[in-house]
């Protein structure tokens, strides 16, 4: 994957997140709980509990 920018910012939300929130819910989580603009080109990683181990999702 090629990125035109020189550096990419990655934000990690440490609390387990319910993945049934949809993208609108995850966008609201990013904006209000984390204080970041979800449309600024940075990557946001959230984790959600699974039966085997913790899993993650990057958007």
PDB file of N, CA and C in Angstrom:
ATOM      1  N   UNK A   1       0.840  -1.158   0.000  1.00  0.00           N
ATOM      2  CA  UNK A   1       0.000   0.000   0.000  1.00  0.00           C
ATOM      3  C   UNK A   1       0.895   1.235   0.000  1.00  0.00           C
ATOM      4  N   UNK A   2       0.566   2.212  -0.791  1.00  0.00           N
ATOM      5  CA  UNK A   2       1.369   3.426  -0.919  1.00  0.00           C
ATOM      6  C   UNK A   2       0.635   4.594  -0.293  1.00  0.00           C
ATOM      7  N   UNK A   3       1.352   5.341   0.554  1.00  0.00           N
ATOM      8  CA  UNK A   3       0.799   6.532   1.166  1.00  0.00           C
ATOM      9  C   UNK A   3       1.578   7.735   0.655  1.00  0.00           C
ATOM     10  N   UNK A   4       0.861   8.759   0.250  1.00  0.00           N
ATOM     11  CA  UNK A   4       1.515   9.952  -0.278  1.00  0.00           C
ATOM     12  C   UNK A   4       2.162  10.780   0.820  1.00  0.00           C
ATOM     13  N   UNK A   5       1.661  10.710   2.018  1.00  0.00           N
ATOM     14  CA  UNK A   5       2.212  11.497   3.124  1.00  0.00           C
ATOM     15  C   UNK A   5       3.510  10.874   3.627  1.00  0.00           C
ATOM     16  N   UNK A   6       4.319  11.685   4.258  1.00  0.00           N
ATOM     17  CA  UNK A   6       5.581  11.207   4.800  1.00  0.00           C
ATOM     18  C   UNK A   6       5.415  10.394   6.067  1.00  0.00           C
ATOM     19  N   UNK A   7       4.379  10.675   6.816  1.00  0.00           N
ATOM     20  CA  UNK A   7       4.160   9.923   8.044  1.00  0.00           C
ATOM     21  C   UNK A   7       2.658   9.725   8.263  1.00  0.00           C
ATOM     22  N   UNK A   8       2.315   8.602   8.848  1.00  0.00           N
ATOM     23  CA  UNK A   8       0.927   8.261   9.136  1.00  0.00           C
ATOM     24  C   UNK A   8       0.766   8.207  10.643  1.00  0.00           C
ATOM     25  N   UNK A   9      -0.271   8.838  11.153  1.00  0.00           N
ATOM     26  CA  UNK A   9      -0.560   8.770  12.582  1.00  0.00           C
ATOM     27  C   UNK A   9      -1.516   7.614  12.849  1.00  0.00           C
ATOM     28  N   UNK A  10      -1.222   6.845  13.878  1.00  0.00           N
ATOM     29  CA  UNK A  10      -2.047   5.705  14.268  1.00  0.00           C
ATOM     30  C   UNK A  10      -2.480   5.926  15.713  1.00  0.00           C
ATOM     31  N   UNK A  11      -3.791   5.862  15.959  1.00  0.00           N
ATOM     32  CA  UNK A  11      -4.338   6.033  17.293  1.00  0.00           C
ATOM     33  C   UNK A  11      -4.935   4.713  17.752  1.00  0.00           C
ATOM     34  N   UNK A  12      -4.704   4.371  19.009  1.00  0.00           N
ATOM     35  CA  UNK A  12      -5.207   3.127  19.580  1.00  0.00           C
ATOM     36  C   UNK A  12      -6.182   3.450  20.697  1.00  0.00           C
ATOM     37  N   UNK A  13      -7.397   2.908  20.595  1.00  0.00           N
ATOM     38  CA  UNK A  13      -8.384   3.042  21.658  1.00  0.00           C
ATOM     39  C   UNK A  13      -8.305   1.774  22.492  1.00  0.00           C
ATOM     40  N   UNK A  14      -7.928   1.889  23.753  1.00  0.00           N
ATOM     41  CA  UNK A  14      -7.587   0.739  24.586  1.00  0.00           C
ATOM     42  C   UNK A  14      -8.742  -0.028  25.196  1.00  0.00           C
ATOM     43  N   UNK A  15      -9.904   0.588  25.305  1.00  0.00           N
ATOM     44  CA  UNK A  15     -11.043  -0.106  25.912  1.00  0.00           C
ATOM     45  C   UNK A  15     -11.683  -1.065  24.902  1.00  0.00           C
ATOM     46  N   UNK A  16     -12.185  -2.213  25.358  1.00  0.00           N
ATOM     47  CA  UNK A  16     -12.911  -3.104  24.440  1.00  0.00           C
ATOM     48  C   UNK A  16     -14.134  -2.391  23.856  1.00  0.00           C
ATOM     49  N   UNK A  17     -14.350  -2.595  22.576  1.00  0.00           N
ATOM     50  CA  UNK A  17     -15.393  -1.885  21.845  1.00  0.00           C
ATOM     51  C   UNK A  17     -16.374  -2.875  21.240  1.00  0.00           C
ATOM     52  N   UNK A  18     -17.649  -2.537  21.307  1.00  0.00           N
ATOM     53  CA  UNK A  18     -18.686  -3.361  20.696  1.00  0.00           C
ATOM     54  C   UNK A  18     -18.671  -3.108  19.185  1.00  0.00           C
ATOM     55  N   UNK A  19     -18.377  -4.141  18.417  1.00  0.00           N
ATOM     56  CA  UNK A  19     -18.239  -3.968  16.973  1.00  0.00           C
ATOM     57  C   UNK A  19     -19.587  -3.878  16.250  1.00  0.00           C
ATOM     58  N   UNK A  20     -20.679  -3.953  16.974  1.00  0.00           N
ATOM     59  CA  UNK A  20     -21.994  -3.768  16.352  1.00  0.00           C
ATOM     60  C   UNK A  20     -22.347  -2.297  16.208  1.00  0.00           C
ATOM     61  N   UNK A  21     -21.428  -1.409  16.538  1.00  0.00           N
ATOM     62  CA  UNK A  21     -21.677   0.029  16.480  1.00  0.00           C
ATOM     63  C   UNK A  21     -21.831   0.565  15.059  1.00  0.00           C
ATOM     64  N   UNK A  22     -21.313  -0.080  14.079  1.00  0.00           N
ATOM     65  CA  UNK A  22     -21.255   0.362  12.685  1.00  0.00           C
ATOM     66  C   UNK A  22     -20.192   1.461  12.541  1.00  0.00           C
ATOM     67  N   UNK A  23     -19.960   1.892  11.327  1.00  0.00           N
ATOM     68  CA  UNK A  23     -18.937   2.908  11.100  1.00  0.00           C
ATOM     69  C   UNK A  23     -19.337   4.244  11.694  1.00  0.00           C
ATOM     70  N   UNK A  24     -20.623   4.560  11.708  1.00  0.00           N
ATOM     71  CA  UNK A  24     -21.052   5.820  12.301  1.00  0.00           C
ATOM     72  C   UNK A  24     -20.777   5.840  13.801  1.00  0.00           C
ATOM     73  N   UNK A  25     -21.020   4.730  14.481  1.00  0.00           N
ATOM     74  CA  UNK A  25     -20.736   4.643  15.908  1.00  0.00           C
ATOM     75  C   UNK A  25     -19.249   4.703  16.206  1.00  0.00           C
ATOM     76  N   UNK A  26     -18.440   4.056  15.367  1.00  0.00           N
ATOM     77  CA  UNK A  26     -16.988   4.108  15.550  1.00  0.00           C
ATOM     78  C   UNK A  26     -16.443   5.504  15.251  1.00  0.00           C
ATOM     79  N   UNK A  27     -17.057   6.186  14.292  1.00  0.00           N
ATOM     80  CA  UNK A  27     -16.668   7.560  14.000  1.00  0.00           C
ATOM     81  C   UNK A  27     -16.991   8.458  15.193  1.00  0.00           C
ATOM     82  N   UNK A  28     -18.154   8.271  15.799  1.00  0.00           N
ATOM     83  CA  UNK A  28     -18.522   9.064  16.975  1.00  0.00           C
ATOM     84  C   UNK A  28     -17.587   8.761  18.146  1.00  0.00           C
ATOM     85  N   UNK A  29     -17.202   7.499  18.308  1.00  0.00           N
ATOM     86  CA  UNK A  29     -16.250   7.123  19.353  1.00  0.00           C
ATOM     87  C   UNK A  29     -14.915   7.827  19.137  1.00  0.00           C
ATOM     88  N   UNK A  30     -14.457   7.861  17.908  1.00  0.00           N
ATOM     89  CA  UNK A  30     -13.191   8.509  17.590  1.00  0.00           C
ATOM     90  C   UNK A  30     -13.261  10.009  17.863  1.00  0.00           C
ATOM     91  N   UNK A  31     -14.365  10.605  17.472  1.00  0.00           N
ATOM     92  CA  UNK A  31     -14.495  12.058  17.614  1.00  0.00           C
ATOM     93  C   UNK A  31     -14.679  12.485  19.070  1.00  0.00           C
ATOM     94  N   UNK A  32     -15.549  11.802  19.815  1.00  0.00           N
ATOM     95  CA  UNK A  32     -15.905  12.269  21.153  1.00  0.00           C
ATOM     96  C   UNK A  32     -15.047  11.657  22.261  1.00  0.00           C
ATOM     97  N   UNK A  33     -14.825  10.368  22.236  1.00  0.00           N
ATOM     98  CA  UNK A  33     -14.065   9.725  23.320  1.00  0.00           C
ATOM     99  C   UNK A  33     -12.559   9.937  23.163  1.00  0.00           C
ATOM    100  N   UNK A  34     -12.089   9.948  21.915  1.00  0.00           N
ATOM    101  CA  UNK A  34     -10.651  10.083  21.689  1.00  0.00           C
ATOM    102  C   UNK A  34     -10.239  11.527  21.380  1.00  0.00           C
ATOM    103  N   UNK A  35     -11.186  12.346  20.934  1.00  0.00           N
ATOM    104  CA  UNK A  35     -10.877  13.740  20.622  1.00  0.00           C
ATOM    105  C   UNK A  35     -10.131  13.942  19.321  1.00  0.00           C
ATOM    106  N   UNK A  36     -10.281  13.032  18.367  1.00  0.00           N
ATOM    107  CA  UNK A  36      -9.596  13.134  17.076  1.00  0.00           C
ATOM    108  C   UNK A  36     -10.621  13.182  15.954  1.00  0.00           C
ATOM    109  N   UNK A  37     -10.229  13.808  14.859  1.00  0.00           N
ATOM    110  CA  UNK A  37     -11.084  13.856  13.678  1.00  0.00           C
ATOM    111  C   UNK A  37     -10.927  12.543  12.917  1.00  0.00           C
ATOM    112  N   UNK A  38     -11.991  11.764  12.741  1.00  0.00           N
ATOM    113  CA  UNK A  38     -11.858  10.485  12.055  1.00  0.00           C
ATOM    114  C   UNK A  38     -11.629  10.602  10.548  1.00  0.00           C
ATOM    115  N   UNK A  39     -11.756  11.787  10.007  1.00  0.00           N
ATOM    116  CA  UNK A  39     -11.606  11.981   8.565  1.00  0.00           C
ATOM    117  C   UNK A  39     -10.313  12.693   8.190  1.00  0.00           C
ATOM    118  N   UNK A  40      -9.344  12.752   9.113  1.00  0.00           N
ATOM    119  CA  UNK A  40      -8.107  13.490   8.823  1.00  0.00           C
ATOM    120  C   UNK A  40      -7.027  12.639   8.154  1.00  0.00           C
ATOM    121  N   UNK A  41      -7.313  11.391   7.855  1.00  0.00           N
ATOM    122  CA  UNK A  41      -6.343  10.546   7.162  1.00  0.00           C
ATOM    123  C   UNK A  41      -5.524   9.650   8.078  1.00  0.00           C
ATOM    124  N   UNK A  42      -5.697   9.766   9.368  1.00  0.00           N
ATOM    125  CA  UNK A  42      -4.964   8.907  10.297  1.00  0.00           C
ATOM    126  C   UNK A  42      -5.691   7.567  10.446  1.00  0.00           C
ATOM    127  N   UNK A  43      -4.990   6.597  11.003  1.00  0.00           N
ATOM    128  CA  UNK A  43      -5.570   5.279  11.234  1.00  0.00           C
ATOM    129  C   UNK A  43      -5.991   5.166  12.689  1.00  0.00           C
ATOM    130  N   UNK A  44      -7.140   4.558  12.919  1.00  0.00           N
ATOM    131  CA  UNK A  44      -7.651   4.345  14.270  1.00  0.00           C
ATOM    132  C   UNK A  44      -7.792   2.846  14.472  1.00  0.00           C
ATOM    133  N   UNK A  45      -7.221   2.349  15.543  1.00  0.00           N
ATOM    134  CA  UNK A  45      -7.291   0.925  15.860  1.00  0.00           C
ATOM    135  C   UNK A  45      -8.114   0.758  17.135  1.00  0.00           C
ATOM    136  N   UNK A  46      -9.160  -0.045  17.055  1.00  0.00           N
ATOM    137  CA  UNK A  46      -9.973  -0.366  18.227  1.00  0.00           C
ATOM    138  C   UNK A  46      -9.893  -1.861  18.462  1.00  0.00           C
ATOM    139  N   UNK A  47     -10.075  -2.258  19.701  1.00  0.00           N
ATOM    140  CA  UNK A  47     -10.023  -3.686  19.990  1.00  0.00           C
ATOM    141  C   UNK A  47     -11.372  -4.138  20.505  1.00  0.00           C
ATOM    142  N   UNK A  48     -11.664  -5.392  20.250  1.00  0.00           N
ATOM    143  CA  UNK A  48     -12.901  -5.962  20.742  1.00  0.00           C
ATOM    144  C   UNK A  48     -12.621  -7.351  21.269  1.00  0.00           C
ATOM    145  N   UNK A  49     -13.296  -7.723  22.339  1.00  0.00           N
ATOM    146  CA  UNK A  49     -13.050  -9.041  22.926  1.00  0.00           C
ATOM    147  C   UNK A  49     -13.641 -10.140  22.051  1.00  0.00           C
ATOM    148  N   UNK A  50     -12.936 -11.232  21.955  1.00  0.00           N
ATOM    149  CA  UNK A  50     -13.460 -12.411  21.268  1.00  0.00           C
ATOM    150  C   UNK A  50     -13.332 -13.597  22.221  1.00  0.00           C
ATOM    151  N   UNK A  51     -13.844 -14.721  21.816  1.00  0.00           N
ATOM    152  CA  UNK A  51     -13.827 -15.892  22.698  1.00  0.00           C
ATOM    153  C   UNK A  51     -12.417 -16.434  22.901  1.00  0.00           C
ATOM    154  N   UNK A  52     -11.591 -16.359  21.885  1.00  0.00           N
ATOM    155  CA  UNK A  52     -10.240 -16.933  21.971  1.00  0.00           C
ATOM    156  C   UNK A  52      -9.231 -15.941  22.540  1.00  0.00           C
ATOM    157  N   UNK A  53      -9.233 -14.740  22.021  1.00  0.00           N
ATOM    158  CA  UNK A  53      -8.263 -13.727  22.445  1.00  0.00           C
ATOM    159  C   UNK A  53      -8.786 -12.370  22.009  1.00  0.00           C
ATOM    160  N   UNK A  54      -8.090 -11.326  22.359  1.00  0.00           N
ATOM    161  CA  UNK A  54      -8.470  -9.996  21.919  1.00  0.00           C
ATOM    162  C   UNK A  54      -8.159  -9.876  20.425  1.00  0.00           C
ATOM    163  N   UNK A  55      -9.057  -9.216  19.721  1.00  0.00           N
ATOM    164  CA  UNK A  55      -8.874  -8.981  18.302  1.00  0.00           C
ATOM    165  C   UNK A  55      -8.985  -7.494  18.067  1.00  0.00           C
ATOM    166  N   UNK A  56      -8.579  -7.018  16.898  1.00  0.00           N
ATOM    167  CA  UNK A  56      -8.607  -5.611  16.622  1.00  0.00           C
ATOM    168  C   UNK A  56      -9.177  -5.295  15.253  1.00  0.00           C
ATOM    169  N   UNK A  57      -9.426  -4.025  15.045  1.00  0.00           N
ATOM    170  CA  UNK A  57      -9.998  -3.531  13.796  1.00  0.00           C
ATOM    171  C   UNK A  57      -9.361  -2.179  13.518  1.00  0.00           C
ATOM    172  N   UNK A  58      -8.842  -1.982  12.327  1.00  0.00           N
ATOM    173  CA  UNK A  58      -8.228  -0.708  11.948  1.00  0.00           C
ATOM    174  C   UNK A  58      -9.073  -0.088  10.850  1.00  0.00           C
ATOM    175  N   UNK A  59      -9.416   1.186  11.048  1.00  0.00           N
ATOM    176  CA  UNK A  59     -10.161   1.899  10.015  1.00  0.00           C
ATOM    177  C   UNK A  59      -9.602   3.276   9.831  1.00  0.00           C
TER     178      UNK A  59
END
